[in-house]
């Protein structure tokens, strides 16, 4: 029998990883972008960050710097920059991970499934045929072949090129 170890998910599963304040605003407050704050790219009005609890490797998010709960509350320039960052991210993810498709979207509001309902963000999830297998559907477990730090470093290095 093979064993799959994902120790970084323990705090999330047990509900111990409750951060004070907004995770996005807290990450932005840190001056240096690195695997600790997971910010890959900062624009003028929005930024790209690795999802700490990804569905697949390469699962990243684009969020505005403004702490707003919904897209319509953002100014048009911020929404435009967010979409441009989504587009750039997809180009980079294609080079690194060679996905066959993407899920791109937002869960706006707690009822819609937003894990951080007070700070709107867009998810970019690379997808491959068969990436939802028995582990996901029956075992309710995601199997990811690389750590969050590896994901961060791979995408960050590619973004800087």
C-alpha atoms as a PDB file:
ATOM      1  CA  UNK A   1       0.000   0.000   0.000  1.00  0.00           C
ATOM      2  CA  UNK A   2       1.263   3.484  -0.871  1.00  0.00           C
ATOM      3  CA  UNK A   3       0.984   6.305   1.599  1.00  0.00           C
ATOM      4  CA  UNK A   4       0.458   9.922   0.727  1.00  0.00           C
ATOM      5  CA  UNK A   5       1.658  12.464   3.251  1.00  0.00           C
ATOM      6  CA  UNK A   6       0.286  16.020   3.180  1.00  0.00           C
ATOM      7  CA  UNK A   7       1.271  17.441   6.583  1.00  0.00           C
ATOM      8  CA  UNK A   8       0.806  21.071   5.487  1.00  0.00           C
ATOM      9  CA  UNK A   9      -2.956  20.490   5.289  1.00  0.00           C
ATOM     10  CA  UNK A  10      -3.346  19.370   8.927  1.00  0.00           C
ATOM     11  CA  UNK A  11      -3.995  22.834  10.368  1.00  0.00           C
ATOM     12  CA  UNK A  12      -6.580  23.515   7.661  1.00  0.00           C
ATOM     13  CA  UNK A  13      -8.387  20.205   8.157  1.00  0.00           C
ATOM     14  CA  UNK A  14      -8.473  20.595  11.938  1.00  0.00           C
ATOM     15  CA  UNK A  15      -9.474  24.235  11.700  1.00  0.00           C
ATOM     16  CA  UNK A  16      -6.409  25.500  13.572  1.00  0.00           C
ATOM     17  CA  UNK A  17      -5.123  27.812  10.894  1.00  0.00           C
ATOM     18  CA  UNK A  18      -7.308  30.789  11.684  1.00  0.00           C
ATOM     19  CA  UNK A  19      -5.401  33.931  10.837  1.00  0.00           C
ATOM     20  CA  UNK A  20      -6.288  37.236  12.467  1.00  0.00           C
ATOM     21  CA  UNK A  21      -7.492  39.736   9.893  1.00  0.00           C
ATOM     22  CA  UNK A  22      -7.685  39.214   6.151  1.00  0.00           C
ATOM     23  CA  UNK A  23      -5.228  36.714   4.661  1.00  0.00           C
ATOM     24  CA  UNK A  24      -4.866  38.834   1.521  1.00  0.00           C
ATOM     25  CA  UNK A  25      -4.302  42.118   3.370  1.00  0.00           C
ATOM     26  CA  UNK A  26      -1.870  40.394   5.753  1.00  0.00           C
ATOM     27  CA  UNK A  27       0.135  39.024   2.813  1.00  0.00           C
ATOM     28  CA  UNK A  28       0.196  42.473   1.181  1.00  0.00           C
ATOM     29  CA  UNK A  29       1.480  44.075   4.374  1.00  0.00           C
ATOM     30  CA  UNK A  30       4.691  42.066   4.144  1.00  0.00           C
ATOM     31  CA  UNK A  31       7.259  44.001   2.150  1.00  0.00           C
ATOM     32  CA  UNK A  32       9.166  41.086   0.668  1.00  0.00           C
ATOM     33  CA  UNK A  33       7.426  38.570  -1.556  1.00  0.00           C
ATOM     34  CA  UNK A  34       8.595  35.040  -0.880  1.00  0.00           C
ATOM     35  CA  UNK A  35       7.230  31.564  -0.053  1.00  0.00           C
ATOM     36  CA  UNK A  36       6.017  32.861   3.334  1.00  0.00           C
ATOM     37  CA  UNK A  37       3.494  35.377   1.975  1.00  0.00           C
ATOM     38  CA  UNK A  38       3.054  33.463  -1.319  1.00  0.00           C
ATOM     39  CA  UNK A  39       2.687  36.623  -3.443  1.00  0.00           C
ATOM     40  CA  UNK A  40       3.945  35.915  -6.937  1.00  0.00           C
ATOM     41  CA  UNK A  41       3.355  39.261  -8.613  1.00  0.00           C
ATOM     42  CA  UNK A  42       2.171  42.709  -7.572  1.00  0.00           C
ATOM     43  CA  UNK A  43       0.500  45.066  -9.981  1.00  0.00           C
ATOM     44  CA  UNK A  44      -0.592  48.623  -9.262  1.00  0.00           C
ATOM     45  CA  UNK A  45      -4.089  47.634  -8.080  1.00  0.00           C
ATOM     46  CA  UNK A  46      -4.064  43.821  -7.826  1.00  0.00           C
ATOM     47  CA  UNK A  47      -1.737  40.926  -7.095  1.00  0.00           C
ATOM     48  CA  UNK A  48      -1.257  37.206  -7.717  1.00  0.00           C
ATOM     49  CA  UNK A  49      -0.883  34.764  -4.817  1.00  0.00           C
ATOM     50  CA  UNK A  50      -0.510  30.983  -4.486  1.00  0.00           C
ATOM     51  CA  UNK A  51      -3.501  29.253  -2.871  1.00  0.00           C
ATOM     52  CA  UNK A  52      -2.285  27.735   0.399  1.00  0.00           C
ATOM     53  CA  UNK A  53      -4.947  24.996   0.136  1.00  0.00           C
ATOM     54  CA  UNK A  54      -4.975  24.201  -3.598  1.00  0.00           C
ATOM     55  CA  UNK A  55      -7.261  21.920  -5.568  1.00  0.00           C
ATOM     56  CA  UNK A  56      -4.377  21.180  -7.954  1.00  0.00           C
ATOM     57  CA  UNK A  57      -0.741  22.187  -8.229  1.00  0.00           C
ATOM     58  CA  UNK A  58      -0.556  25.612  -9.786  1.00  0.00           C
ATOM     59  CA  UNK A  59      -3.830  26.773  -8.167  1.00  0.00           C
ATOM     60  CA  UNK A  60      -3.313  30.508  -7.770  1.00  0.00           C
ATOM     61  CA  UNK A  61      -5.521  33.525  -7.120  1.00  0.00           C
ATOM     62  CA  UNK A  62      -5.736  37.125  -8.258  1.00  0.00           C
ATOM     63  CA  UNK A  63      -7.007  39.635  -5.712  1.00  0.00           C
ATOM     64  CA  UNK A  64      -7.371  43.394  -5.619  1.00  0.00           C
ATOM     65  CA  UNK A  65      -5.267  45.376  -3.200  1.00  0.00           C
ATOM     66  CA  UNK A  66      -8.478  47.055  -2.082  1.00  0.00           C
ATOM     67  CA  UNK A  67     -10.284  45.119   0.640  1.00  0.00           C
ATOM     68  CA  UNK A  68     -13.712  44.732  -0.986  1.00  0.00           C
ATOM     69  CA  UNK A  69     -16.147  41.788  -0.848  1.00  0.00           C
ATOM     70  CA  UNK A  70     -17.359  41.894  -4.459  1.00  0.00           C
ATOM     71  CA  UNK A  71     -16.217  42.782  -7.960  1.00  0.00           C
ATOM     72  CA  UNK A  72     -18.805  45.492  -8.580  1.00  0.00           C
ATOM     73  CA  UNK A  73     -17.379  47.478  -5.657  1.00  0.00           C
ATOM     74  CA  UNK A  74     -13.997  47.768  -7.387  1.00  0.00           C
ATOM     75  CA  UNK A  75     -13.160  50.524  -9.843  1.00  0.00           C
ATOM     76  CA  UNK A  76     -12.946  49.582 -13.542  1.00  0.00           C
ATOM     77  CA  UNK A  77      -9.149  49.923 -13.584  1.00  0.00           C
ATOM     78  CA  UNK A  78      -8.775  47.361 -10.795  1.00  0.00           C
ATOM     79  CA  UNK A  79     -11.124  44.896 -12.493  1.00  0.00           C
ATOM     80  CA  UNK A  80      -9.211  45.325 -15.762  1.00  0.00           C
ATOM     81  CA  UNK A  81      -5.863  44.741 -14.063  1.00  0.00           C
ATOM     82  CA  UNK A  82      -7.223  41.637 -12.346  1.00  0.00           C
ATOM     83  CA  UNK A  83      -8.254  40.165 -15.692  1.00  0.00           C
ATOM     84  CA  UNK A  84      -4.870  41.025 -17.214  1.00  0.00           C
ATOM     85  CA  UNK A  85      -3.133  39.244 -14.325  1.00  0.00           C
ATOM     86  CA  UNK A  86      -5.414  36.223 -14.835  1.00  0.00           C
ATOM     87  CA  UNK A  87      -4.401  36.138 -18.494  1.00  0.00           C
ATOM     88  CA  UNK A  88      -0.680  36.438 -17.692  1.00  0.00           C
ATOM     89  CA  UNK A  89      -0.985  33.739 -15.047  1.00  0.00           C
ATOM     90  CA  UNK A  90      -2.624  31.333 -17.501  1.00  0.00           C
ATOM     91  CA  UNK A  91       0.245  31.827 -19.977  1.00  0.00           C
ATOM     92  CA  UNK A  92       2.792  31.066 -17.252  1.00  0.00           C
ATOM     93  CA  UNK A  93       0.859  28.075 -15.894  1.00  0.00           C
ATOM     94  CA  UNK A  94       0.628  26.621 -19.419  1.00  0.00           C
ATOM     95  CA  UNK A  95       4.433  26.798 -19.756  1.00  0.00           C
ATOM     96  CA  UNK A  96       5.083  25.199 -16.372  1.00  0.00           C
ATOM     97  CA  UNK A  97       2.292  22.653 -15.885  1.00  0.00           C
ATOM     98  CA  UNK A  98       0.933  22.036 -19.400  1.00  0.00           C
ATOM     99  CA  UNK A  99      -2.707  21.853 -18.273  1.00  0.00           C
ATOM    100  CA  UNK A 100      -5.380  20.786 -20.719  1.00  0.00           C
ATOM    101  CA  UNK A 101      -7.852  23.374 -19.403  1.00  0.00           C
ATOM    102  CA  UNK A 102      -8.534  25.874 -16.605  1.00  0.00           C
ATOM    103  CA  UNK A 103     -11.255  26.736 -14.149  1.00  0.00           C
ATOM    104  CA  UNK A 104     -11.271  30.504 -13.604  1.00  0.00           C
ATOM    105  CA  UNK A 105     -13.812  32.098 -11.319  1.00  0.00           C
ATOM    106  CA  UNK A 106     -14.886  33.678  -8.074  1.00  0.00           C
ATOM    107  CA  UNK A 107     -17.020  32.586  -5.156  1.00  0.00           C
ATOM    108  CA  UNK A 108     -18.583  35.856  -4.081  1.00  0.00           C
ATOM    109  CA  UNK A 109     -20.164  35.620  -0.640  1.00  0.00           C
ATOM    110  CA  UNK A 110     -20.112  32.897   2.002  1.00  0.00           C
ATOM    111  CA  UNK A 111     -23.215  31.173   0.616  1.00  0.00           C
ATOM    112  CA  UNK A 112     -21.456  30.896  -2.760  1.00  0.00           C
ATOM    113  CA  UNK A 113     -18.547  29.087  -1.098  1.00  0.00           C
ATOM    114  CA  UNK A 114     -16.125  31.962  -0.534  1.00  0.00           C
ATOM    115  CA  UNK A 115     -13.510  30.965   2.024  1.00  0.00           C
ATOM    116  CA  UNK A 116     -12.588  34.642   2.389  1.00  0.00           C
ATOM    117  CA  UNK A 117     -15.906  36.403   1.775  1.00  0.00           C
ATOM    118  CA  UNK A 118     -14.705  39.901   2.714  1.00  0.00           C
ATOM    119  CA  UNK A 119     -11.925  40.164   0.087  1.00  0.00           C
ATOM    120  CA  UNK A 120     -12.967  39.192  -3.422  1.00  0.00           C
ATOM    121  CA  UNK A 121     -10.511  37.099  -5.413  1.00  0.00           C
ATOM    122  CA  UNK A 122     -10.390  35.071  -8.617  1.00  0.00           C
ATOM    123  CA  UNK A 123      -9.229  31.458  -8.667  1.00  0.00           C
ATOM    124  CA  UNK A 124      -7.130  30.066 -11.519  1.00  0.00           C
ATOM    125  CA  UNK A 125      -7.086  26.264 -11.366  1.00  0.00           C
ATOM    126  CA  UNK A 126      -5.152  24.227 -13.954  1.00  0.00           C
ATOM    127  CA  UNK A 127      -7.023  21.074 -14.986  1.00  0.00           C
ATOM    128  CA  UNK A 128      -6.083  17.765 -16.631  1.00  0.00           C
ATOM    129  CA  UNK A 129      -8.103  14.817 -17.835  1.00  0.00           C
ATOM    130  CA  UNK A 130      -8.521  12.457 -14.905  1.00  0.00           C
ATOM    131  CA  UNK A 131      -7.465  14.921 -12.208  1.00  0.00           C
ATOM    132  CA  UNK A 132     -10.678  14.098 -10.341  1.00  0.00           C
ATOM    133  CA  UNK A 133     -10.089  10.458  -9.559  1.00  0.00           C
ATOM    134  CA  UNK A 134     -11.211   8.142  -6.771  1.00  0.00           C
ATOM    135  CA  UNK A 135      -9.068   9.988  -4.222  1.00  0.00           C
ATOM    136  CA  UNK A 136     -11.034  13.181  -4.809  1.00  0.00           C
ATOM    137  CA  UNK A 137     -14.480  11.719  -5.302  1.00  0.00           C
ATOM    138  CA  UNK A 138     -14.515   8.804  -2.851  1.00  0.00           C
ATOM    139  CA  UNK A 139     -11.726   9.618  -0.410  1.00  0.00           C
ATOM    140  CA  UNK A 140     -12.420  13.367  -0.375  1.00  0.00           C
ATOM    141  CA  UNK A 141      -8.652  13.846  -0.614  1.00  0.00           C
ATOM    142  CA  UNK A 142      -6.538  15.758  -3.116  1.00  0.00           C
ATOM    143  CA  UNK A 143      -3.170  14.325  -4.066  1.00  0.00           C
ATOM    144  CA  UNK A 144      -0.648  17.003  -5.026  1.00  0.00           C
ATOM    145  CA  UNK A 145       2.791  15.973  -6.284  1.00  0.00           C
ATOM    146  CA  UNK A 146       4.639  19.084  -5.077  1.00  0.00           C
ATOM    147  CA  UNK A 147       4.750  21.262  -1.973  1.00  0.00           C
ATOM    148  CA  UNK A 148       3.354  24.793  -1.807  1.00  0.00           C
ATOM    149  CA  UNK A 149       6.933  26.121  -1.705  1.00  0.00           C
ATOM    150  CA  UNK A 150       7.802  24.242  -4.912  1.00  0.00           C
ATOM    151  CA  UNK A 151       4.690  25.622  -6.596  1.00  0.00           C
ATOM    152  CA  UNK A 152       5.610  29.140  -5.466  1.00  0.00           C
ATOM    153  CA  UNK A 153       9.210  28.864  -6.681  1.00  0.00           C
ATOM    154  CA  UNK A 154       8.296  27.360 -10.054  1.00  0.00           C
ATOM    155  CA  UNK A 155       5.724  30.026 -10.842  1.00  0.00           C
ATOM    156  CA  UNK A 156       7.729  32.933  -9.364  1.00  0.00           C
ATOM    157  CA  UNK A 157      10.833  32.002 -11.378  1.00  0.00           C
ATOM    158  CA  UNK A 158       8.814  31.744 -14.564  1.00  0.00           C
ATOM    159  CA  UNK A 159       7.001  35.043 -13.906  1.00  0.00           C
ATOM    160  CA  UNK A 160      10.309  36.858 -13.493  1.00  0.00           C
ATOM    161  CA  UNK A 161      11.582  35.685 -16.903  1.00  0.00           C
END
